[in-house]
Amino acid sequence: MGKARCHLPSAEASVGIVAPVGRHGVNQECACVAALGIQLRVLKGQILQLDRRIMAWHECLILIS
């Protein structure tokens, strides 16, 4: 169930970041969060692109049948 659950829209994810205490640790955490944000935006774009391709393929199948 755990494997299937990770694909459901309602599944939640958590991320842990470990950094040193103090000013340098905060800077490292900010850099990690910024990098994660960039990765999530790229992933969102890839998902949208794949979704468009699937929808186009589906429409093509409807026209053929």
C-alpha atoms as a PDB file:
ATOM      1  CA  MET A   1       0.000   0.000   0.000  1.00  0.00           C
ATOM      2  CA  GLY A   2       2.849   2.392   0.767  1.00  0.00           C
ATOM      3  CA  LYS A   3       4.231   2.158  -2.767  1.00  0.00           C
ATOM      4  CA  ALA A   4       0.837   2.796  -4.361  1.00  0.00           C
ATOM      5  CA  ARG A   5       0.057   5.558  -1.881  1.00  0.00           C
ATOM      6  CA  CYS A   6       3.039   7.608  -2.985  1.00  0.00           C
ATOM      7  CA  HIS A   7       1.370   8.042  -6.385  1.00  0.00           C
ATOM      8  CA  LEU A   8      -1.949   9.300  -5.039  1.00  0.00           C
ATOM      9  CA  PRO A   9      -2.626  13.046  -5.197  1.00  0.00           C
ATOM     10  CA  SER A  10      -3.452  13.162  -1.496  1.00  0.00           C
ATOM     11  CA  ALA A  11      -0.137  11.573  -0.464  1.00  0.00           C
ATOM     12  CA  GLU A  12       2.073  13.901   1.547  1.00  0.00           C
ATOM     13  CA  ALA A  13       5.843  14.180   1.417  1.00  0.00           C
ATOM     14  CA  SER A  14       8.298  15.545   3.912  1.00  0.00           C
ATOM     15  CA  VAL A  15      11.838  16.780   3.495  1.00  0.00           C
ATOM     16  CA  GLY A  16      14.429  17.114   6.212  1.00  0.00           C
ATOM     17  CA  ILE A  17      17.411  19.444   6.001  1.00  0.00           C
ATOM     18  CA  VAL A  18      20.371  19.121   8.350  1.00  0.00           C
ATOM     19  CA  ALA A  19      22.696  22.102   8.715  1.00  0.00           C
ATOM     20  CA  PRO A  20      25.083  23.434  11.338  1.00  0.00           C
ATOM     21  CA  VAL A  21      23.786  25.751  14.044  1.00  0.00           C
ATOM     22  CA  GLY A  22      24.366  29.473  13.585  1.00  0.00           C
ATOM     23  CA  ARG A  23      24.515  31.980  10.767  1.00  0.00           C
ATOM     24  CA  HIS A  24      26.371  29.655   8.394  1.00  0.00           C
ATOM     25  CA  GLY A  25      23.830  26.926   9.017  1.00  0.00           C
ATOM     26  CA  VAL A  26      20.969  29.263   8.133  1.00  0.00           C
ATOM     27  CA  ASN A  27      22.735  30.245   4.904  1.00  0.00           C
ATOM     28  CA  GLN A  28      23.159  26.583   4.009  1.00  0.00           C
ATOM     29  CA  GLU A  29      19.491  25.903   4.755  1.00  0.00           C
ATOM     30  CA  CYS A  30      18.407  28.825   2.574  1.00  0.00           C
ATOM     31  CA  ALA A  31      20.572  27.530  -0.273  1.00  0.00           C
ATOM     32  CA  CYS A  32      19.077  24.038   0.116  1.00  0.00           C
ATOM     33  CA  VAL A  33      15.515  25.374   0.122  1.00  0.00           C
ATOM     34  CA  ALA A  34      16.249  27.533  -2.931  1.00  0.00           C
ATOM     35  CA  ALA A  35      17.728  24.546  -4.788  1.00  0.00           C
ATOM     36  CA  LEU A  36      14.720  22.432  -3.832  1.00  0.00           C
ATOM     37  CA  GLY A  37      12.382  25.141  -5.134  1.00  0.00           C
ATOM     38  CA  ILE A  38      14.209  25.177  -8.477  1.00  0.00           C
ATOM     39  CA  GLN A  39      14.014  21.396  -8.729  1.00  0.00           C
ATOM     40  CA  LEU A  40      10.290  21.445  -7.942  1.00  0.00           C
ATOM     41  CA  ARG A  41       9.626  24.076 -10.633  1.00  0.00           C
ATOM     42  CA  VAL A  42      11.548  21.998 -13.188  1.00  0.00           C
ATOM     43  CA  LEU A  43       9.657  18.870 -12.132  1.00  0.00           C
ATOM     44  CA  LYS A  44       6.323  20.694 -12.424  1.00  0.00           C
ATOM     45  CA  GLY A  45       7.228  21.747 -15.967  1.00  0.00           C
ATOM     46  CA  GLN A  46       8.163  18.177 -16.876  1.00  0.00           C
ATOM     47  CA  ILE A  47       4.899  16.852 -15.443  1.00  0.00           C
ATOM     48  CA  LEU A  48       2.860  19.436 -17.381  1.00  0.00           C
ATOM     49  CA  GLN A  49       4.732  18.591 -20.583  1.00  0.00           C
ATOM     50  CA  LEU A  50       4.144  14.865 -20.078  1.00  0.00           C
ATOM     51  CA  ASP A  51       0.475  15.490 -19.304  1.00  0.00           C
ATOM     52  CA  ARG A  52       0.095  17.422 -22.571  1.00  0.00           C
ATOM     53  CA  ARG A  53       1.747  14.583 -24.504  1.00  0.00           C
ATOM     54  CA  ILE A  54      -0.553  12.012 -22.896  1.00  0.00           C
ATOM     55  CA  MET A  55      -3.632  14.114 -23.690  1.00  0.00           C
ATOM     56  CA  ALA A  56      -2.511  14.576 -27.325  1.00  0.00           C
ATOM     57  CA  TRP A  57      -1.898  10.826 -27.625  1.00  0.00           C
ATOM     58  CA  HIS A  58      -5.330  10.127 -26.160  1.00  0.00           C
ATOM     59  CA  GLU A  59      -7.019  12.548 -28.591  1.00  0.00           C
ATOM     60  CA  CYS A  60      -5.148  10.907 -31.473  1.00  0.00           C
ATOM     61  CA  LEU A  61      -6.440   7.492 -30.401  1.00  0.00           C
ATOM     62  CA  ILE A  62     -10.000   8.828 -30.293  1.00  0.00           C
ATOM     63  CA  LEU A  63      -9.670  10.172 -33.857  1.00  0.00           C
ATOM     64  CA  ILE A  64      -8.276   6.851 -35.117  1.00  0.00           C
ATOM     65  CA  SER A  65     -11.013   4.694 -33.595  1.00  0.00           C
END
